[in-house]
Amino acid sequence: MKRIAIFASGSGSNAENIVRYFSGNDEIEIALILSNKKEAFVHERAKNLGVPSYTFSKTEFDEAELILETLQQYNIDFIVLAGYLLKVSAPLLKAFPNRIINIHPALLPKYGGKGMYGDRVHRAVMEAGEKESGISIHYVNEHYDEGDIIFQASCEVLPGDTPGDIAQRVHQLEYKHFPEVIEKIVRRKFN
């Protein structure tokens, strides 16, 4: 059984979708949810799903010692960032080489980097007059949104779309593809 930790900073809708997808899976389990925000709704979702969740400060995350101890305690094999806003620290990258992935709500390399998340991304896409947007699932490295791209899927951006309209289409892509891609990567890495 391969065990995954999800890192999330917000409401946790992607985290919940991933947990539900792997519920009952004999080979892959979502064992833990971590957040940098005590008030993040992802903790409520985790509680309702029966998944342990913890909050860590930015300092604890950057230093990574307590995080690594917790990941080891739960026998974590792989990390998924699902709406996690902090840059992953060097000790964590070293402990999980090519075993940390992220989802970004745009077609990288466009509209990535520090501060580019959520509606900020969708607004930038809209204001640039793009005809499409989408999702990028990528490995995490020491730079925001610059790790090797694993998978992309696109959706139309229609005239008159608001950032909310774009977000809705992008969320549909996230919910459909992210769990499937996680499963493929984990199976490939550990089989």
N, C-alpha and C. Protein backbone atom coordinates (compact mmCIF):
# COMPACT_ATOMS: atom_id res chain seq x y z
N MET A 1 0.84 -1.19 0.00
CA MET A 1 0.00 0.00 0.00
C MET A 1 0.89 1.25 0.00
N LYS A 2 0.70 2.10 -1.00
CA LYS A 2 1.44 3.36 -1.07
C LYS A 2 0.59 4.44 -0.43
N ARG A 3 1.25 5.26 0.38
CA ARG A 3 0.53 6.25 1.19
C ARG A 3 0.88 7.66 0.73
N ILE A 4 -0.16 8.45 0.53
CA ILE A 4 -0.03 9.82 0.01
C ILE A 4 -0.42 10.82 1.08
N ALA A 5 0.35 11.91 1.15
CA ALA A 5 -0.02 13.08 1.95
C ALA A 5 -0.43 14.18 0.99
N ILE A 6 -1.52 14.86 1.31
CA ILE A 6 -1.97 16.01 0.53
C ILE A 6 -1.68 17.28 1.33
N PHE A 7 -1.08 18.25 0.67
CA PHE A 7 -0.86 19.57 1.27
C PHE A 7 -1.87 20.53 0.62
N ALA A 8 -2.62 21.26 1.45
CA ALA A 8 -3.63 22.20 0.94
C ALA A 8 -3.66 23.43 1.83
N SER A 9 -3.99 24.59 1.24
CA SER A 9 -4.05 25.84 2.00
C SER A 9 -5.46 26.40 2.14
N GLY A 10 -6.40 25.87 1.38
CA GLY A 10 -7.72 26.51 1.34
C GLY A 10 -8.88 25.60 1.66
N SER A 11 -9.89 25.66 0.81
CA SER A 11 -11.14 24.94 1.09
C SER A 11 -10.99 23.43 0.96
N GLY A 12 -10.07 22.98 0.11
CA GLY A 12 -9.80 21.55 0.03
C GLY A 12 -10.74 20.77 -0.88
N SER A 13 -11.37 21.41 -1.84
CA SER A 13 -12.27 20.66 -2.73
C SER A 13 -11.50 19.64 -3.56
N ASN A 14 -10.31 19.99 -4.02
CA ASN A 14 -9.49 19.01 -4.75
C ASN A 14 -9.04 17.89 -3.82
N ALA A 15 -8.66 18.24 -2.60
CA ALA A 15 -8.24 17.21 -1.63
C ALA A 15 -9.38 16.23 -1.39
N GLU A 16 -10.58 16.75 -1.19
CA GLU A 16 -11.73 15.86 -0.97
C GLU A 16 -11.98 14.96 -2.17
N ASN A 17 -11.90 15.53 -3.35
CA ASN A 17 -12.10 14.75 -4.58
C ASN A 17 -11.07 13.62 -4.68
N ILE A 18 -9.83 13.91 -4.33
CA ILE A 18 -8.77 12.91 -4.39
C ILE A 18 -9.01 11.81 -3.34
N VAL A 19 -9.35 12.22 -2.12
CA VAL A 19 -9.62 11.23 -1.07
C VAL A 19 -10.76 10.30 -1.50
N ARG A 20 -11.83 10.88 -2.03
CA ARG A 20 -12.97 10.06 -2.46
C ARG A 20 -12.57 9.12 -3.60
N TYR A 21 -11.75 9.60 -4.52
CA TYR A 21 -11.32 8.78 -5.66
C TYR A 21 -10.57 7.54 -5.17
N PHE A 22 -9.71 7.70 -4.17
CA PHE A 22 -8.89 6.58 -3.70
C PHE A 22 -9.54 5.78 -2.58
N SER A 23 -10.71 6.18 -2.16
CA SER A 23 -11.42 5.44 -1.12
C SER A 23 -11.68 4.01 -1.60
N GLY A 24 -11.25 3.05 -0.82
CA GLY A 24 -11.45 1.65 -1.21
C GLY A 24 -10.38 1.10 -2.14
N ASN A 25 -9.40 1.92 -2.54
CA ASN A 25 -8.31 1.46 -3.40
C ASN A 25 -7.39 0.56 -2.58
N ASP A 26 -7.04 -0.60 -3.12
CA ASP A 26 -6.20 -1.57 -2.39
C ASP A 26 -4.71 -1.25 -2.46
N GLU A 27 -4.31 -0.32 -3.35
CA GLU A 27 -2.89 -0.05 -3.55
C GLU A 27 -2.45 1.34 -3.12
N ILE A 28 -3.39 2.29 -3.10
CA ILE A 28 -3.04 3.68 -2.81
C ILE A 28 -4.02 4.24 -1.78
N GLU A 29 -3.46 4.91 -0.77
CA GLU A 29 -4.29 5.45 0.30
C GLU A 29 -3.89 6.90 0.57
N ILE A 30 -4.88 7.76 0.77
CA ILE A 30 -4.60 9.12 1.24
C ILE A 30 -4.56 9.03 2.75
N ALA A 31 -3.36 9.17 3.32
CA ALA A 31 -3.15 8.89 4.73
C ALA A 31 -3.13 10.13 5.61
N LEU A 32 -2.98 11.31 4.99
CA LEU A 32 -2.72 12.50 5.79
C LEU A 32 -2.98 13.75 4.96
N ILE A 33 -3.49 14.78 5.63
CA ILE A 33 -3.64 16.10 4.99
C ILE A 33 -2.93 17.12 5.87
N LEU A 34 -2.08 17.93 5.25
CA LEU A 34 -1.34 18.97 5.96
C LEU A 34 -1.70 20.33 5.39
N SER A 35 -1.71 21.35 6.26
CA SER A 35 -2.02 22.70 5.81
C SER A 35 -1.16 23.70 6.56
N ASN A 36 -0.97 24.84 5.94
CA ASN A 36 -0.28 25.94 6.59
C ASN A 36 -1.27 26.92 7.21
N LYS A 37 -2.56 26.60 7.15
CA LYS A 37 -3.59 27.50 7.69
C LYS A 37 -4.53 26.73 8.61
N LYS A 38 -4.54 27.15 9.87
CA LYS A 38 -5.37 26.49 10.88
C LYS A 38 -6.85 26.58 10.54
N GLU A 39 -7.27 27.72 9.96
CA GLU A 39 -8.69 27.96 9.66
C GLU A 39 -9.12 27.42 8.29
N ALA A 40 -8.22 26.80 7.56
CA ALA A 40 -8.56 26.29 6.22
C ALA A 40 -9.67 25.24 6.31
N PHE A 41 -10.64 25.34 5.43
CA PHE A 41 -11.78 24.43 5.45
C PHE A 41 -11.37 22.99 5.12
N VAL A 42 -10.19 22.82 4.56
CA VAL A 42 -9.70 21.46 4.25
C VAL A 42 -9.68 20.60 5.52
N HIS A 43 -9.47 21.21 6.69
CA HIS A 43 -9.46 20.44 7.94
C HIS A 43 -10.85 19.85 8.23
N GLU A 44 -11.89 20.63 7.97
CA GLU A 44 -13.26 20.14 8.17
C GLU A 44 -13.55 18.99 7.20
N ARG A 45 -13.12 19.17 5.96
CA ARG A 45 -13.31 18.09 4.97
C ARG A 45 -12.57 16.83 5.42
N ALA A 46 -11.33 16.99 5.88
CA ALA A 46 -10.53 15.84 6.33
C ALA A 46 -11.24 15.12 7.47
N LYS A 47 -11.73 15.89 8.42
CA LYS A 47 -12.45 15.30 9.56
C LYS A 47 -13.65 14.49 9.08
N ASN A 48 -14.43 15.07 8.17
CA ASN A 48 -15.62 14.38 7.64
C ASN A 48 -15.25 13.12 6.86
N LEU A 49 -14.06 13.11 6.27
CA LEU A 49 -13.60 11.96 5.47
C LEU A 49 -12.81 10.94 6.30
N GLY A 50 -12.56 11.27 7.55
CA GLY A 50 -11.81 10.36 8.40
C GLY A 50 -10.31 10.33 8.12
N VAL A 51 -9.77 11.43 7.60
CA VAL A 51 -8.34 11.52 7.30
C VAL A 51 -7.71 12.48 8.31
N PRO A 52 -6.64 12.07 8.98
CA PRO A 52 -5.98 12.98 9.93
C PRO A 52 -5.44 14.22 9.22
N SER A 53 -5.54 15.37 9.89
CA SER A 53 -4.99 16.60 9.30
C SER A 53 -4.28 17.39 10.38
N TYR A 54 -3.25 18.10 9.95
CA TYR A 54 -2.43 18.90 10.85
C TYR A 54 -2.13 20.24 10.21
N THR A 55 -1.88 21.22 11.07
CA THR A 55 -1.47 22.55 10.62
C THR A 55 -0.03 22.79 11.05
N PHE A 56 0.76 23.36 10.15
CA PHE A 56 2.12 23.73 10.45
C PHE A 56 2.32 25.20 10.11
N SER A 57 3.18 25.86 10.87
CA SER A 57 3.51 27.26 10.57
C SER A 57 4.46 27.31 9.37
N LYS A 58 4.60 28.50 8.81
CA LYS A 58 5.53 28.67 7.69
C LYS A 58 6.96 28.32 8.13
N THR A 59 7.33 28.73 9.33
CA THR A 59 8.67 28.42 9.83
C THR A 59 8.87 26.91 9.95
N GLU A 60 7.89 26.22 10.53
CA GLU A 60 7.99 24.76 10.64
C GLU A 60 8.07 24.11 9.27
N PHE A 61 7.34 24.66 8.32
CA PHE A 61 7.36 24.11 6.97
C PHE A 61 8.73 24.34 6.33
N ASP A 62 9.26 25.56 6.45
CA ASP A 62 10.57 25.87 5.85
C ASP A 62 11.69 25.04 6.48
N GLU A 63 11.65 24.88 7.79
CA GLU A 63 12.69 24.11 8.47
C GLU A 63 12.51 22.61 8.20
N ALA A 64 11.28 22.19 8.04
CA ALA A 64 10.88 20.85 7.58
C ALA A 64 11.07 19.71 8.56
N GLU A 65 11.78 19.92 9.66
CA GLU A 65 12.07 18.82 10.57
C GLU A 65 10.79 18.17 11.11
N LEU A 66 9.88 18.98 11.64
CA LEU A 66 8.63 18.46 12.18
C LEU A 66 7.75 17.85 11.08
N ILE A 67 7.75 18.49 9.92
CA ILE A 67 6.97 17.96 8.78
C ILE A 67 7.51 16.58 8.39
N LEU A 68 8.83 16.46 8.27
CA LEU A 68 9.42 15.18 7.87
C LEU A 68 9.15 14.10 8.91
N GLU A 69 9.19 14.47 10.19
CA GLU A 69 8.86 13.50 11.25
C GLU A 69 7.42 13.01 11.10
N THR A 70 6.52 13.95 10.83
CA THR A 70 5.10 13.59 10.68
C THR A 70 4.91 12.70 9.45
N LEU A 71 5.54 13.05 8.35
CA LEU A 71 5.43 12.23 7.14
C LEU A 71 6.00 10.83 7.37
N GLN A 72 7.09 10.76 8.12
CA GLN A 72 7.68 9.46 8.43
C GLN A 72 6.76 8.66 9.36
N GLN A 73 6.17 9.33 10.33
CA GLN A 73 5.25 8.68 11.27
C GLN A 73 4.08 8.01 10.53
N TYR A 74 3.64 8.65 9.46
CA TYR A 74 2.52 8.13 8.67
C TYR A 74 2.98 7.29 7.47
N ASN A 75 4.27 7.01 7.39
CA ASN A 75 4.84 6.19 6.31
C ASN A 75 4.44 6.71 4.92
N ILE A 76 4.62 8.01 4.72
CA ILE A 76 4.23 8.64 3.46
C ILE A 76 5.25 8.33 2.37
N ASP A 77 4.73 7.93 1.22
CA ASP A 77 5.58 7.62 0.05
C ASP A 77 5.60 8.73 -0.98
N PHE A 78 4.53 9.55 -1.00
CA PHE A 78 4.33 10.49 -2.10
C PHE A 78 3.54 11.69 -1.58
N ILE A 79 3.81 12.87 -2.13
CA ILE A 79 3.14 14.11 -1.70
C ILE A 79 2.43 14.75 -2.88
N VAL A 80 1.21 15.19 -2.64
CA VAL A 80 0.41 15.89 -3.64
C VAL A 80 0.07 17.28 -3.09
N LEU A 81 0.40 18.32 -3.85
CA LEU A 81 0.00 19.68 -3.50
C LEU A 81 -1.31 19.96 -4.23
N ALA A 82 -2.34 20.31 -3.46
CA ALA A 82 -3.66 20.58 -4.04
C ALA A 82 -4.14 21.92 -3.49
N GLY A 83 -3.71 22.99 -4.16
CA GLY A 83 -4.06 24.32 -3.67
C GLY A 83 -3.19 24.71 -2.49
N TYR A 84 -1.93 24.31 -2.54
CA TYR A 84 -0.98 24.65 -1.47
C TYR A 84 -0.14 25.81 -1.94
N LEU A 85 -0.07 26.88 -1.14
CA LEU A 85 0.49 28.13 -1.63
C LEU A 85 1.94 28.40 -1.26
N LEU A 86 2.52 27.63 -0.34
CA LEU A 86 3.91 27.87 0.05
C LEU A 86 4.87 27.13 -0.86
N LYS A 87 6.04 27.74 -1.05
CA LYS A 87 7.08 27.06 -1.83
C LYS A 87 7.63 25.90 -1.00
N VAL A 88 7.83 24.76 -1.63
CA VAL A 88 8.32 23.57 -0.93
C VAL A 88 9.79 23.76 -0.59
N SER A 89 10.13 23.47 0.66
CA SER A 89 11.48 23.70 1.15
C SER A 89 12.46 22.65 0.63
N ALA A 90 13.74 23.03 0.62
CA ALA A 90 14.80 22.14 0.12
C ALA A 90 14.86 20.81 0.88
N PRO A 91 14.73 20.79 2.22
CA PRO A 91 14.78 19.49 2.90
C PRO A 91 13.66 18.54 2.47
N LEU A 92 12.50 19.09 2.20
CA LEU A 92 11.37 18.25 1.76
C LEU A 92 11.61 17.74 0.34
N LEU A 93 12.13 18.60 -0.53
CA LEU A 93 12.46 18.18 -1.90
C LEU A 93 13.51 17.08 -1.89
N LYS A 94 14.49 17.20 -0.99
CA LYS A 94 15.56 16.21 -0.90
C LYS A 94 15.03 14.88 -0.38
N ALA A 95 14.10 14.93 0.57
CA ALA A 95 13.55 13.71 1.17
C ALA A 95 12.58 12.99 0.23
N PHE A 96 11.96 13.74 -0.69
CA PHE A 96 10.98 13.16 -1.62
C PHE A 96 11.33 13.54 -3.07
N PRO A 97 12.50 13.09 -3.56
CA PRO A 97 12.91 13.47 -4.92
C PRO A 97 11.96 12.90 -5.97
N ASN A 98 11.45 13.77 -6.82
CA ASN A 98 10.48 13.40 -7.86
C ASN A 98 9.29 12.63 -7.31
N ARG A 99 8.94 12.94 -6.06
CA ARG A 99 7.76 12.33 -5.45
C ARG A 99 6.84 13.39 -4.84
N ILE A 100 6.92 14.61 -5.40
CA ILE A 100 6.01 15.69 -5.01
C ILE A 100 5.47 16.28 -6.31
N ILE A 101 4.13 16.32 -6.42
CA ILE A 101 3.53 16.92 -7.60
C ILE A 101 2.53 18.00 -7.19
N ASN A 102 2.25 18.87 -8.13
CA ASN A 102 1.36 20.01 -7.92
C ASN A 102 0.41 20.13 -9.11
N ILE A 103 -0.73 20.75 -8.85
CA ILE A 103 -1.62 21.11 -9.95
C ILE A 103 -1.71 22.63 -9.99
N HIS A 104 -1.63 23.17 -11.21
CA HIS A 104 -1.71 24.62 -11.41
C HIS A 104 -2.88 24.93 -12.33
N PRO A 105 -3.68 25.97 -12.02
CA PRO A 105 -4.89 26.25 -12.80
C PRO A 105 -4.67 27.08 -14.06
N ALA A 106 -3.67 26.72 -14.84
CA ALA A 106 -3.41 27.36 -16.13
C ALA A 106 -2.47 26.46 -16.92
N LEU A 107 -2.28 26.81 -18.17
CA LEU A 107 -1.40 26.03 -19.04
C LEU A 107 0.02 26.59 -18.92
N LEU A 108 0.79 26.00 -18.01
CA LEU A 108 2.17 26.43 -17.83
C LEU A 108 2.95 26.23 -19.12
N PRO A 109 3.95 27.04 -19.41
CA PRO A 109 4.60 27.98 -18.51
C PRO A 109 3.89 29.32 -18.35
N LYS A 110 2.80 29.56 -19.05
CA LYS A 110 2.07 30.82 -18.89
C LYS A 110 1.37 30.87 -17.53
N TYR A 111 1.33 32.05 -16.96
CA TYR A 111 0.54 32.35 -15.76
C TYR A 111 0.92 31.53 -14.55
N GLY A 112 2.21 31.26 -14.42
CA GLY A 112 2.72 30.58 -13.23
C GLY A 112 3.62 31.50 -12.45
N GLY A 113 4.15 31.00 -11.36
CA GLY A 113 5.09 31.75 -10.55
C GLY A 113 4.50 32.24 -9.25
N LYS A 114 5.32 32.89 -8.46
CA LYS A 114 4.91 33.36 -7.14
C LYS A 114 3.72 34.30 -7.26
N GLY A 115 2.74 34.07 -6.43
CA GLY A 115 1.55 34.93 -6.40
C GLY A 115 0.50 34.60 -7.44
N MET A 116 0.79 33.64 -8.32
CA MET A 116 -0.17 33.26 -9.35
C MET A 116 -0.94 32.02 -8.90
N TYR A 117 -2.10 32.27 -8.30
CA TYR A 117 -2.97 31.18 -7.85
C TYR A 117 -4.41 31.66 -7.90
N GLY A 118 -5.32 30.70 -7.96
CA GLY A 118 -6.75 30.99 -7.89
C GLY A 118 -7.22 32.01 -8.90
N ASP A 119 -8.05 32.94 -8.43
CA ASP A 119 -8.64 33.94 -9.32
C ASP A 119 -7.61 34.87 -9.95
N ARG A 120 -6.45 35.01 -9.32
CA ARG A 120 -5.39 35.84 -9.93
C ARG A 120 -4.99 35.26 -11.29
N VAL A 121 -4.91 33.94 -11.35
CA VAL A 121 -4.55 33.28 -12.61
C VAL A 121 -5.67 33.48 -13.63
N HIS A 122 -6.90 33.21 -13.22
CA HIS A 122 -8.02 33.30 -14.16
C HIS A 122 -8.22 34.73 -14.66
N ARG A 123 -8.01 35.71 -13.80
CA ARG A 123 -8.11 37.13 -14.20
C ARG A 123 -7.03 37.46 -15.23
N ALA A 124 -5.81 36.98 -14.99
CA ALA A 124 -4.70 37.24 -15.92
C ALA A 124 -4.99 36.61 -17.28
N VAL A 125 -5.52 35.40 -17.28
CA VAL A 125 -5.88 34.72 -18.53
C VAL A 125 -6.93 35.53 -19.28
N MET A 126 -7.96 35.97 -18.56
CA MET A 126 -9.05 36.75 -19.16
C MET A 126 -8.53 38.08 -19.71
N GLU A 127 -7.73 38.78 -18.91
CA GLU A 127 -7.24 40.10 -19.31
C GLU A 127 -6.28 40.03 -20.50
N ALA A 128 -5.61 38.89 -20.66
CA ALA A 128 -4.69 38.71 -21.79
C ALA A 128 -5.45 38.33 -23.07
N GLY A 129 -6.74 38.07 -22.95
CA GLY A 129 -7.53 37.70 -24.13
C GLY A 129 -7.24 36.30 -24.64
N GLU A 130 -6.79 35.42 -23.75
CA GLU A 130 -6.50 34.04 -24.17
C GLU A 130 -7.77 33.34 -24.66
N LYS A 131 -7.61 32.44 -25.60
CA LYS A 131 -8.73 31.66 -26.13
C LYS A 131 -8.91 30.34 -25.38
N GLU A 132 -7.88 29.95 -24.61
CA GLU A 132 -7.98 28.73 -23.81
C GLU A 132 -7.19 28.88 -22.52
N SER A 133 -7.60 28.07 -21.56
CA SER A 133 -6.87 27.93 -20.32
C SER A 133 -6.87 26.45 -19.99
N GLY A 134 -6.61 26.09 -18.75
CA GLY A 134 -6.63 24.68 -18.42
C GLY A 134 -5.87 24.38 -17.15
N ILE A 135 -5.35 23.17 -17.06
CA ILE A 135 -4.60 22.73 -15.89
C ILE A 135 -3.25 22.18 -16.33
N SER A 136 -2.30 22.29 -15.41
CA SER A 136 -0.98 21.68 -15.59
C SER A 136 -0.66 20.92 -14.32
N ILE A 137 -0.35 19.65 -14.45
CA ILE A 137 0.12 18.84 -13.33
C ILE A 137 1.61 18.65 -13.55
N HIS A 138 2.40 19.00 -12.53
CA HIS A 138 3.85 18.99 -12.72
C HIS A 138 4.57 18.55 -11.46
N TYR A 139 5.81 18.07 -11.66
CA TYR A 139 6.67 17.79 -10.51
C TYR A 139 7.07 19.10 -9.86
N VAL A 140 7.31 19.05 -8.58
CA VAL A 140 7.70 20.24 -7.83
C VAL A 140 9.21 20.28 -7.72
N ASN A 141 9.76 21.46 -7.98
CA ASN A 141 11.19 21.68 -7.76
C ASN A 141 11.36 22.92 -6.90
N GLU A 142 12.56 23.50 -6.88
CA GLU A 142 12.84 24.62 -5.99
C GLU A 142 12.24 25.95 -6.45
N HIS A 143 11.61 25.98 -7.61
CA HIS A 143 10.99 27.21 -8.14
C HIS A 143 9.49 27.01 -8.30
N TYR A 144 8.73 28.08 -8.08
CA TYR A 144 7.29 28.01 -8.27
C TYR A 144 6.94 27.62 -9.71
N ASP A 145 6.17 26.55 -9.87
CA ASP A 145 5.56 26.16 -11.14
C ASP A 145 6.54 25.92 -12.28
N GLU A 146 7.77 25.52 -11.95
CA GLU A 146 8.77 25.30 -13.00
C GLU A 146 9.21 23.85 -13.15
N GLY A 147 8.65 22.95 -12.35
CA GLY A 147 9.01 21.54 -12.46
C GLY A 147 8.49 20.93 -13.75
N ASP A 148 9.05 19.79 -14.13
CA ASP A 148 8.66 19.13 -15.38
C ASP A 148 7.15 18.88 -15.41
N ILE A 149 6.54 19.21 -16.54
CA ILE A 149 5.10 19.03 -16.71
C ILE A 149 4.82 17.56 -17.01
N ILE A 150 3.85 17.01 -16.30
CA ILE A 150 3.44 15.62 -16.44
C ILE A 150 2.23 15.51 -17.35
N PHE A 151 1.29 16.46 -17.19
CA PHE A 151 0.00 16.37 -17.89
C PHE A 151 -0.62 17.75 -18.00
N GLN A 152 -1.27 18.01 -19.13
CA GLN A 152 -2.05 19.23 -19.30
C GLN A 152 -3.37 18.90 -19.96
N ALA A 153 -4.39 19.66 -19.61
CA ALA A 153 -5.69 19.57 -20.27
C ALA A 153 -6.21 20.99 -20.41
N SER A 154 -6.90 21.26 -21.51
CA SER A 154 -7.33 22.64 -21.77
C SER A 154 -8.85 22.75 -21.85
N CYS A 155 -9.30 23.99 -21.69
CA CYS A 155 -10.71 24.32 -21.86
C CYS A 155 -10.80 25.68 -22.56
N GLU A 156 -11.93 25.93 -23.17
CA GLU A 156 -12.13 27.19 -23.88
C GLU A 156 -12.28 28.35 -22.91
N VAL A 157 -11.82 29.52 -23.35
CA VAL A 157 -12.15 30.78 -22.71
C VAL A 157 -13.02 31.52 -23.71
N LEU A 158 -14.25 31.79 -23.32
CA LEU A 158 -15.23 32.37 -24.23
C LEU A 158 -15.31 33.88 -24.07
N PRO A 159 -15.68 34.59 -25.14
CA PRO A 159 -15.86 36.04 -25.01
C PRO A 159 -16.88 36.33 -23.91
N GLY A 160 -16.56 37.30 -23.08
CA GLY A 160 -17.47 37.67 -22.00
C GLY A 160 -17.30 36.85 -20.73
N ASP A 161 -16.40 35.86 -20.75
CA ASP A 161 -16.15 35.08 -19.54
C ASP A 161 -15.62 35.96 -18.41
N THR A 162 -16.04 35.64 -17.20
CA THR A 162 -15.48 36.25 -16.00
C THR A 162 -14.41 35.29 -15.46
N PRO A 163 -13.58 35.76 -14.53
CA PRO A 163 -12.65 34.83 -13.89
C PRO A 163 -13.38 33.63 -13.26
N GLY A 164 -14.57 33.87 -12.73
CA GLY A 164 -15.37 32.79 -12.15
C GLY A 164 -15.80 31.76 -13.17
N ASP A 165 -16.14 32.22 -14.38
CA ASP A 165 -16.52 31.28 -15.45
C ASP A 165 -15.34 30.38 -15.82
N ILE A 166 -14.18 31.01 -15.94
CA ILE A 166 -12.97 30.26 -16.29
C ILE A 166 -12.65 29.27 -15.16
N ALA A 167 -12.74 29.74 -13.93
CA ALA A 167 -12.45 28.89 -12.76
C ALA A 167 -13.34 27.66 -12.76
N GLN A 168 -14.61 27.84 -13.09
CA GLN A 168 -15.54 26.71 -13.08
C GLN A 168 -15.11 25.63 -14.08
N ARG A 169 -14.72 26.04 -15.28
CA ARG A 169 -14.26 25.07 -16.28
C ARG A 169 -12.95 24.40 -15.86
N VAL A 170 -12.05 25.20 -15.29
CA VAL A 170 -10.77 24.67 -14.84
C VAL A 170 -10.98 23.67 -13.70
N HIS A 171 -11.88 23.99 -12.77
CA HIS A 171 -12.17 23.05 -11.67
C HIS A 171 -12.69 21.72 -12.20
N GLN A 172 -13.51 21.75 -13.22
CA GLN A 172 -14.02 20.50 -13.80
C GLN A 172 -12.86 19.65 -14.32
N LEU A 173 -11.88 20.29 -14.96
CA LEU A 173 -10.70 19.57 -15.44
C LEU A 173 -9.89 19.00 -14.27
N GLU A 174 -9.75 19.81 -13.21
CA GLU A 174 -9.00 19.35 -12.04
C GLU A 174 -9.65 18.10 -11.45
N TYR A 175 -10.95 18.16 -11.23
CA TYR A 175 -11.66 17.05 -10.59
C TYR A 175 -11.61 15.79 -11.44
N LYS A 176 -11.66 15.96 -12.75
CA LYS A 176 -11.64 14.80 -13.65
C LYS A 176 -10.25 14.17 -13.73
N HIS A 177 -9.23 15.00 -13.94
CA HIS A 177 -7.91 14.47 -14.31
C HIS A 177 -6.92 14.27 -13.16
N PHE A 178 -6.98 15.11 -12.13
CA PHE A 178 -5.93 15.07 -11.11
C PHE A 178 -5.83 13.70 -10.42
N PRO A 179 -6.93 13.13 -9.92
CA PRO A 179 -6.81 11.81 -9.27
C PRO A 179 -6.29 10.73 -10.22
N GLU A 180 -6.72 10.75 -11.47
CA GLU A 180 -6.28 9.74 -12.44
C GLU A 180 -4.78 9.85 -12.69
N VAL A 181 -4.29 11.07 -12.81
CA VAL A 181 -2.86 11.28 -13.05
C VAL A 181 -2.05 10.86 -11.83
N ILE A 182 -2.54 11.20 -10.63
CA ILE A 182 -1.86 10.78 -9.40
C ILE A 182 -1.73 9.25 -9.39
N GLU A 183 -2.81 8.56 -9.69
CA GLU A 183 -2.80 7.10 -9.67
C GLU A 183 -1.77 6.55 -10.66
N LYS A 184 -1.75 7.08 -11.87
CA LYS A 184 -0.79 6.61 -12.88
C LYS A 184 0.65 6.83 -12.43
N ILE A 185 0.94 8.02 -11.88
CA ILE A 185 2.30 8.33 -11.47
C ILE A 185 2.74 7.42 -10.32
N VAL A 186 1.88 7.26 -9.32
CA VAL A 186 2.23 6.43 -8.17
C VAL A 186 2.44 4.98 -8.60
N ARG A 187 1.57 4.47 -9.44
CA ARG A 187 1.74 3.08 -9.92
C ARG A 187 3.05 2.93 -10.68
N ARG A 188 3.35 3.91 -11.54
CA ARG A 188 4.59 3.85 -12.34
C ARG A 188 5.82 3.94 -11.46
N LYS A 189 5.80 4.79 -10.45
CA LYS A 189 6.97 5.00 -9.59
C LYS A 189 7.25 3.82 -8.68
N PHE A 190 6.22 3.13 -8.25
CA PHE A 190 6.40 2.12 -7.20
C PHE A 190 6.14 0.70 -7.66
N ASN A 191 5.86 0.48 -8.95
CA ASN A 191 5.66 -0.89 -9.45
C ASN A 191 6.79 -1.33 -10.35
